[in-house]
């Protein structure tokens, strides 16, 4: 019993002396969680956004693209924020639609539309 009381007294004194260090140790898991969150979720998402931004900026006439709506076509005209996409041709007249540049999800290799 006496040894148990002594151990409790020593632990209480050590806790009182290291109060500032104990608070830092309590915050360490939260800080560690934010660091892990940054490297596993935030950083890869920022990288994908940068790649998408560069792809949209590099769009040019003649590129074959897929849009977010699922349209597959060839770019015929490019402006600052819009593109004109040729999606088909009826009686030798092209069927074109105007889309925002950000609607493009991927650029296809040349000749993909003819291969379909």
N, C-alpha and C. Protein backbone atom coordinates (compact mmCIF):
# COMPACT_ATOMS: atom_id res chain seq x y z
N UNK A 1 0.82 -1.18 0.00
CA UNK A 1 0.00 0.00 0.00
C UNK A 1 0.87 1.25 0.00
N UNK A 2 1.90 1.23 0.81
CA UNK A 2 2.80 2.37 0.90
C UNK A 2 3.53 2.59 -0.44
N UNK A 3 3.92 1.52 -1.10
CA UNK A 3 4.59 1.63 -2.39
C UNK A 3 3.64 2.20 -3.44
N UNK A 4 2.39 1.83 -3.38
CA UNK A 4 1.39 2.33 -4.32
C UNK A 4 1.15 3.81 -4.12
N UNK A 5 1.07 4.27 -2.90
CA UNK A 5 0.92 5.70 -2.62
C UNK A 5 2.13 6.48 -3.08
N UNK A 6 3.30 5.92 -2.92
CA UNK A 6 4.52 6.58 -3.35
C UNK A 6 4.55 6.72 -4.88
N UNK A 7 4.16 5.66 -5.57
CA UNK A 7 4.13 5.72 -7.03
C UNK A 7 3.13 6.76 -7.53
N UNK A 8 1.96 6.83 -6.89
CA UNK A 8 0.96 7.84 -7.27
C UNK A 8 1.48 9.25 -7.04
N UNK A 9 2.19 9.47 -5.95
CA UNK A 9 2.75 10.78 -5.64
C UNK A 9 3.82 11.16 -6.65
N UNK A 10 4.67 10.22 -7.02
CA UNK A 10 5.72 10.48 -8.01
C UNK A 10 5.10 10.81 -9.37
N UNK A 11 4.09 10.06 -9.76
CA UNK A 11 3.43 10.30 -11.05
C UNK A 11 2.74 11.67 -11.06
N UNK A 12 2.12 12.06 -9.95
CA UNK A 12 1.45 13.35 -9.86
C UNK A 12 2.46 14.48 -9.95
N UNK A 13 3.60 14.34 -9.28
CA UNK A 13 4.63 15.38 -9.33
C UNK A 13 5.24 15.48 -10.72
N UNK A 14 5.43 14.36 -11.38
CA UNK A 14 6.00 14.38 -12.73
C UNK A 14 5.01 15.02 -13.71
N UNK A 15 3.74 14.77 -13.55
CA UNK A 15 2.71 15.36 -14.40
C UNK A 15 2.62 16.85 -14.22
N UNK A 16 2.74 17.33 -13.01
CA UNK A 16 2.67 18.76 -12.73
C UNK A 16 3.89 19.48 -13.28
N UNK A 17 5.05 18.86 -13.23
CA UNK A 17 6.28 19.49 -13.69
C UNK A 17 6.32 19.55 -15.22
N UNK A 18 5.73 18.57 -15.90
CA UNK A 18 5.80 18.50 -17.35
C UNK A 18 4.46 18.84 -17.99
N UNK A 19 3.74 19.81 -17.47
CA UNK A 19 2.43 20.17 -17.99
C UNK A 19 2.48 20.72 -19.40
N UNK A 20 3.47 21.57 -19.73
CA UNK A 20 3.60 22.13 -21.07
C UNK A 20 3.95 21.06 -22.09
N UNK A 21 4.80 20.16 -21.72
CA UNK A 21 5.20 19.07 -22.61
C UNK A 21 4.02 18.12 -22.86
N UNK A 22 3.21 17.92 -21.84
CA UNK A 22 2.05 17.05 -21.95
C UNK A 22 1.03 17.62 -22.93
N UNK A 23 0.87 18.93 -22.93
CA UNK A 23 -0.07 19.57 -23.85
C UNK A 23 0.41 19.40 -25.30
N UNK A 24 1.73 19.52 -25.50
CA UNK A 24 2.28 19.32 -26.83
C UNK A 24 2.10 17.88 -27.28
N UNK A 25 2.28 16.96 -26.40
CA UNK A 25 2.10 15.54 -26.73
C UNK A 25 0.63 15.25 -27.03
N UNK A 26 -0.28 15.98 -26.42
CA UNK A 26 -1.70 15.81 -26.70
C UNK A 26 -2.08 16.34 -28.07
N UNK A 27 -1.38 17.37 -28.54
CA UNK A 27 -1.66 17.95 -29.86
C UNK A 27 -0.94 17.21 -30.99
N UNK A 28 0.07 16.43 -30.67
CA UNK A 28 0.87 15.74 -31.68
C UNK A 28 0.04 14.83 -32.59
N UNK A 29 -0.90 14.03 -32.10
CA UNK A 29 -1.69 13.21 -33.03
C UNK A 29 -2.53 14.02 -34.01
N UNK A 30 -3.05 15.15 -33.57
CA UNK A 30 -3.86 15.99 -34.46
C UNK A 30 -2.98 16.61 -35.54
N UNK A 31 -1.81 17.09 -35.16
CA UNK A 31 -0.87 17.66 -36.12
C UNK A 31 -0.43 16.59 -37.11
N UNK A 32 -0.13 15.42 -36.62
CA UNK A 32 0.29 14.30 -37.48
C UNK A 32 -0.83 13.92 -38.45
N UNK A 33 -2.07 13.96 -37.99
CA UNK A 33 -3.21 13.63 -38.83
C UNK A 33 -3.35 14.65 -39.98
N UNK A 34 -3.15 15.94 -39.71
CA UNK A 34 -3.22 16.95 -40.75
C UNK A 34 -2.09 16.80 -41.77
N UNK A 35 -0.90 16.43 -41.31
CA UNK A 35 0.22 16.21 -42.23
C UNK A 35 -0.09 15.03 -43.15
N UNK A 36 -0.60 13.96 -42.61
CA UNK A 36 -0.95 12.79 -43.41
C UNK A 36 -2.08 13.14 -44.38
N UNK A 37 -3.07 13.88 -43.92
CA UNK A 37 -4.18 14.32 -44.77
C UNK A 37 -3.67 15.15 -45.94
N UNK A 38 -2.71 16.02 -45.68
CA UNK A 38 -2.16 16.85 -46.75
C UNK A 38 -1.50 15.99 -47.82
N UNK A 39 -0.65 15.05 -47.41
CA UNK A 39 0.08 14.26 -48.40
C UNK A 39 -0.77 13.20 -49.08
N UNK A 40 -1.82 12.71 -48.46
CA UNK A 40 -2.64 11.67 -49.07
C UNK A 40 -3.82 12.21 -49.86
N UNK A 41 -4.33 13.40 -49.53
CA UNK A 41 -5.54 13.89 -50.19
C UNK A 41 -5.36 15.24 -50.87
N UNK A 42 -4.85 16.21 -50.17
CA UNK A 42 -4.81 17.57 -50.69
C UNK A 42 -3.78 17.72 -51.80
N UNK A 43 -2.58 17.25 -51.58
CA UNK A 43 -1.51 17.40 -52.57
C UNK A 43 -1.81 16.69 -53.89
N UNK A 44 -2.28 15.42 -53.88
CA UNK A 44 -2.62 14.79 -55.17
C UNK A 44 -3.76 15.50 -55.90
N UNK A 45 -4.74 16.02 -55.17
CA UNK A 45 -5.84 16.75 -55.80
C UNK A 45 -5.33 18.02 -56.46
N UNK A 46 -4.42 18.72 -55.82
CA UNK A 46 -3.85 19.93 -56.40
C UNK A 46 -3.06 19.59 -57.67
N UNK A 47 -2.38 18.45 -57.67
CA UNK A 47 -1.63 18.02 -58.84
C UNK A 47 -2.57 17.72 -60.01
N UNK A 48 -3.70 17.03 -59.74
CA UNK A 48 -4.68 16.74 -60.79
C UNK A 48 -5.28 18.02 -61.35
N UNK A 49 -5.57 18.99 -60.48
CA UNK A 49 -6.13 20.27 -60.93
C UNK A 49 -5.14 21.00 -61.84
N UNK A 50 -3.87 20.95 -61.50
CA UNK A 50 -2.85 21.61 -62.30
C UNK A 50 -2.74 20.94 -63.68
N UNK A 51 -2.78 19.60 -63.73
CA UNK A 51 -2.73 18.89 -65.00
C UNK A 51 -3.95 19.24 -65.86
N UNK A 52 -5.13 19.30 -65.26
CA UNK A 52 -6.36 19.64 -65.99
C UNK A 52 -6.28 21.06 -66.55
N UNK A 53 -5.79 21.99 -65.73
CA UNK A 53 -5.65 23.39 -66.15
C UNK A 53 -4.69 23.50 -67.34
N UNK A 54 -3.56 22.76 -67.28
CA UNK A 54 -2.59 22.79 -68.38
C UNK A 54 -3.16 22.17 -69.65
N UNK A 55 -3.94 21.09 -69.51
CA UNK A 55 -4.55 20.44 -70.67
C UNK A 55 -5.55 21.37 -71.34
N UNK A 56 -6.39 22.04 -70.55
CA UNK A 56 -7.39 22.96 -71.10
C UNK A 56 -6.70 24.15 -71.78
N UNK A 57 -5.62 24.63 -71.21
CA UNK A 57 -4.90 25.76 -71.79
C UNK A 57 -4.24 25.38 -73.12
N UNK A 58 -3.88 24.10 -73.29
CA UNK A 58 -3.16 23.66 -74.48
C UNK A 58 -4.09 23.17 -75.60
N UNK A 59 -5.40 23.31 -75.45
CA UNK A 59 -6.33 22.87 -76.49
C UNK A 59 -6.10 23.66 -77.78
N UNK A 60 -6.12 22.94 -78.90
CA UNK A 60 -5.88 23.60 -80.19
C UNK A 60 -6.83 23.03 -81.24
N UNK A 61 -6.94 23.73 -82.33
CA UNK A 61 -7.79 23.30 -83.44
C UNK A 61 -7.26 21.96 -83.97
N UNK A 62 -8.18 21.01 -84.17
CA UNK A 62 -7.80 19.70 -84.68
C UNK A 62 -7.65 18.64 -83.60
N UNK A 63 -7.62 19.03 -82.34
CA UNK A 63 -7.53 18.05 -81.26
C UNK A 63 -8.82 17.25 -81.17
N UNK A 64 -8.69 15.97 -80.88
CA UNK A 64 -9.86 15.12 -80.66
C UNK A 64 -10.03 14.96 -79.15
N UNK A 65 -11.24 15.25 -78.66
CA UNK A 65 -11.46 15.32 -77.22
C UNK A 65 -12.72 14.58 -76.80
N UNK A 66 -12.80 14.30 -75.50
CA UNK A 66 -14.01 13.80 -74.86
C UNK A 66 -14.43 14.85 -73.85
N UNK A 67 -15.72 15.18 -73.83
CA UNK A 67 -16.22 16.19 -72.89
C UNK A 67 -16.81 15.53 -71.66
N UNK A 68 -17.12 16.34 -70.68
CA UNK A 68 -17.72 15.82 -69.44
C UNK A 68 -19.11 15.25 -69.67
N UNK A 69 -19.77 15.67 -70.73
CA UNK A 69 -21.08 15.14 -71.08
C UNK A 69 -21.01 13.87 -71.90
N UNK A 70 -19.81 13.43 -72.26
CA UNK A 70 -19.65 12.20 -73.02
C UNK A 70 -19.56 12.40 -74.52
N UNK A 71 -19.54 13.64 -74.99
CA UNK A 71 -19.42 13.89 -76.42
C UNK A 71 -18.00 13.64 -76.88
N UNK A 72 -17.86 13.02 -78.04
CA UNK A 72 -16.57 12.76 -78.64
C UNK A 72 -16.53 13.55 -79.93
N UNK A 73 -15.51 14.38 -80.10
CA UNK A 73 -15.47 15.19 -81.30
C UNK A 73 -14.12 15.82 -81.54
N UNK A 74 -14.07 16.60 -82.63
CA UNK A 74 -12.85 17.26 -83.06
C UNK A 74 -13.05 18.77 -82.92
N UNK A 75 -12.07 19.45 -82.35
CA UNK A 75 -12.15 20.90 -82.15
C UNK A 75 -11.95 21.60 -83.49
N UNK A 76 -12.91 22.48 -83.83
CA UNK A 76 -12.80 23.23 -85.08
C UNK A 76 -12.49 24.71 -84.86
N UNK A 77 -12.81 25.22 -83.69
CA UNK A 77 -12.55 26.63 -83.40
C UNK A 77 -12.29 26.77 -81.90
N UNK A 78 -11.31 27.60 -81.55
CA UNK A 78 -10.94 27.81 -80.15
C UNK A 78 -10.96 29.30 -79.85
N UNK A 79 -11.65 29.68 -78.77
CA UNK A 79 -11.61 31.06 -78.30
C UNK A 79 -11.12 31.05 -76.85
N UNK A 80 -11.20 32.20 -76.19
CA UNK A 80 -10.66 32.30 -74.83
C UNK A 80 -11.32 31.34 -73.86
N UNK A 81 -12.65 31.26 -73.89
CA UNK A 81 -13.33 30.40 -72.92
C UNK A 81 -14.25 29.37 -73.55
N UNK A 82 -14.35 29.37 -74.89
CA UNK A 82 -15.24 28.41 -75.56
C UNK A 82 -14.50 27.70 -76.69
N UNK A 83 -14.98 26.50 -77.00
CA UNK A 83 -14.49 25.77 -78.16
C UNK A 83 -15.70 25.35 -79.00
N UNK A 84 -15.47 25.17 -80.29
CA UNK A 84 -16.50 24.63 -81.16
C UNK A 84 -16.07 23.21 -81.50
N UNK A 85 -16.97 22.27 -81.25
CA UNK A 85 -16.65 20.86 -81.39
C UNK A 85 -17.49 20.25 -82.51
N UNK A 86 -16.82 19.65 -83.48
CA UNK A 86 -17.51 18.94 -84.56
C UNK A 86 -17.77 17.52 -84.08
N UNK A 87 -19.06 17.18 -83.94
CA UNK A 87 -19.39 15.86 -83.39
C UNK A 87 -19.88 14.88 -84.44
N UNK A 88 -20.25 15.38 -85.63
CA UNK A 88 -20.74 14.50 -86.69
C UNK A 88 -20.83 15.31 -87.98
N UNK A 89 -21.22 14.63 -89.05
CA UNK A 89 -21.51 15.35 -90.30
C UNK A 89 -22.71 14.69 -90.97
N UNK A 90 -23.61 15.54 -91.43
CA UNK A 90 -24.82 15.07 -92.11
C UNK A 90 -24.84 15.73 -93.48
N UNK A 91 -24.87 14.92 -94.53
CA UNK A 91 -24.89 15.40 -95.91
C UNK A 91 -23.74 16.37 -96.17
N UNK A 92 -22.57 15.97 -95.76
CA UNK A 92 -21.33 16.76 -95.93
C UNK A 92 -21.35 18.10 -95.22
N UNK A 93 -22.24 18.27 -94.28
CA UNK A 93 -22.25 19.46 -93.43
C UNK A 93 -21.90 19.02 -92.01
N UNK A 94 -20.96 19.71 -91.38
CA UNK A 94 -20.59 19.31 -90.02
C UNK A 94 -21.64 19.71 -88.99
N UNK A 95 -21.85 18.85 -88.01
CA UNK A 95 -22.72 19.15 -86.88
C UNK A 95 -21.79 19.64 -85.77
N UNK A 96 -21.93 20.89 -85.41
CA UNK A 96 -21.03 21.50 -84.44
C UNK A 96 -21.80 21.98 -83.22
N UNK A 97 -21.12 21.98 -82.11
CA UNK A 97 -21.69 22.50 -80.87
C UNK A 97 -20.63 23.34 -80.17
N UNK A 98 -21.08 24.35 -79.45
CA UNK A 98 -20.19 25.24 -78.72
C UNK A 98 -20.19 24.83 -77.25
N UNK A 99 -19.00 24.64 -76.70
CA UNK A 99 -18.83 24.20 -75.32
C UNK A 99 -17.82 25.07 -74.60
N UNK A 100 -17.89 25.07 -73.30
CA UNK A 100 -16.85 25.73 -72.51
C UNK A 100 -15.59 24.88 -72.55
N UNK A 101 -14.45 25.54 -72.50
CA UNK A 101 -13.18 24.80 -72.54
C UNK A 101 -13.05 23.85 -71.37
N UNK A 102 -13.59 24.25 -70.22
CA UNK A 102 -13.45 23.42 -69.02
C UNK A 102 -14.28 22.15 -69.08
N UNK A 103 -15.17 22.02 -70.08
CA UNK A 103 -15.97 20.81 -70.23
C UNK A 103 -15.16 19.65 -70.79
N UNK A 104 -13.97 19.92 -71.31
CA UNK A 104 -13.13 18.88 -71.88
C UNK A 104 -12.48 18.08 -70.74
N UNK A 105 -12.66 16.77 -70.78
CA UNK A 105 -12.08 15.92 -69.73
C UNK A 105 -10.79 15.25 -70.17
N UNK A 106 -10.67 14.94 -71.47
CA UNK A 106 -9.42 14.33 -71.93
C UNK A 106 -9.21 14.59 -73.41
N UNK A 107 -7.94 14.61 -73.79
CA UNK A 107 -7.55 14.78 -75.18
C UNK A 107 -7.14 13.40 -75.69
N UNK A 108 -7.70 13.02 -76.85
CA UNK A 108 -7.42 11.71 -77.43
C UNK A 108 -6.29 11.79 -78.45
N UNK A 109 -5.64 10.67 -78.71
CA UNK A 109 -4.62 10.66 -79.78
C UNK A 109 -5.27 10.93 -81.14
N UNK A 110 -4.51 11.50 -82.05
CA UNK A 110 -5.02 11.80 -83.40
C UNK A 110 -5.47 10.51 -84.08
N UNK A 111 -6.59 10.57 -84.78
CA UNK A 111 -7.09 9.42 -85.52
C UNK A 111 -8.00 8.49 -84.73
N UNK A 112 -8.29 8.83 -83.49
CA UNK A 112 -9.14 7.97 -82.67
C UNK A 112 -10.57 7.94 -83.19
N UNK A 113 -11.06 9.07 -83.64
CA UNK A 113 -12.45 9.13 -84.11
C UNK A 113 -12.60 8.30 -85.39
N UNK A 114 -11.63 8.36 -86.29
CA UNK A 114 -11.73 7.57 -87.51
C UNK A 114 -11.65 6.07 -87.22
N UNK A 115 -10.94 5.70 -86.17
CA UNK A 115 -10.81 4.29 -85.81
C UNK A 115 -12.11 3.73 -85.26
N UNK A 116 -12.98 4.59 -84.75
CA UNK A 116 -14.26 4.12 -84.22
C UNK A 116 -15.17 3.92 -85.37
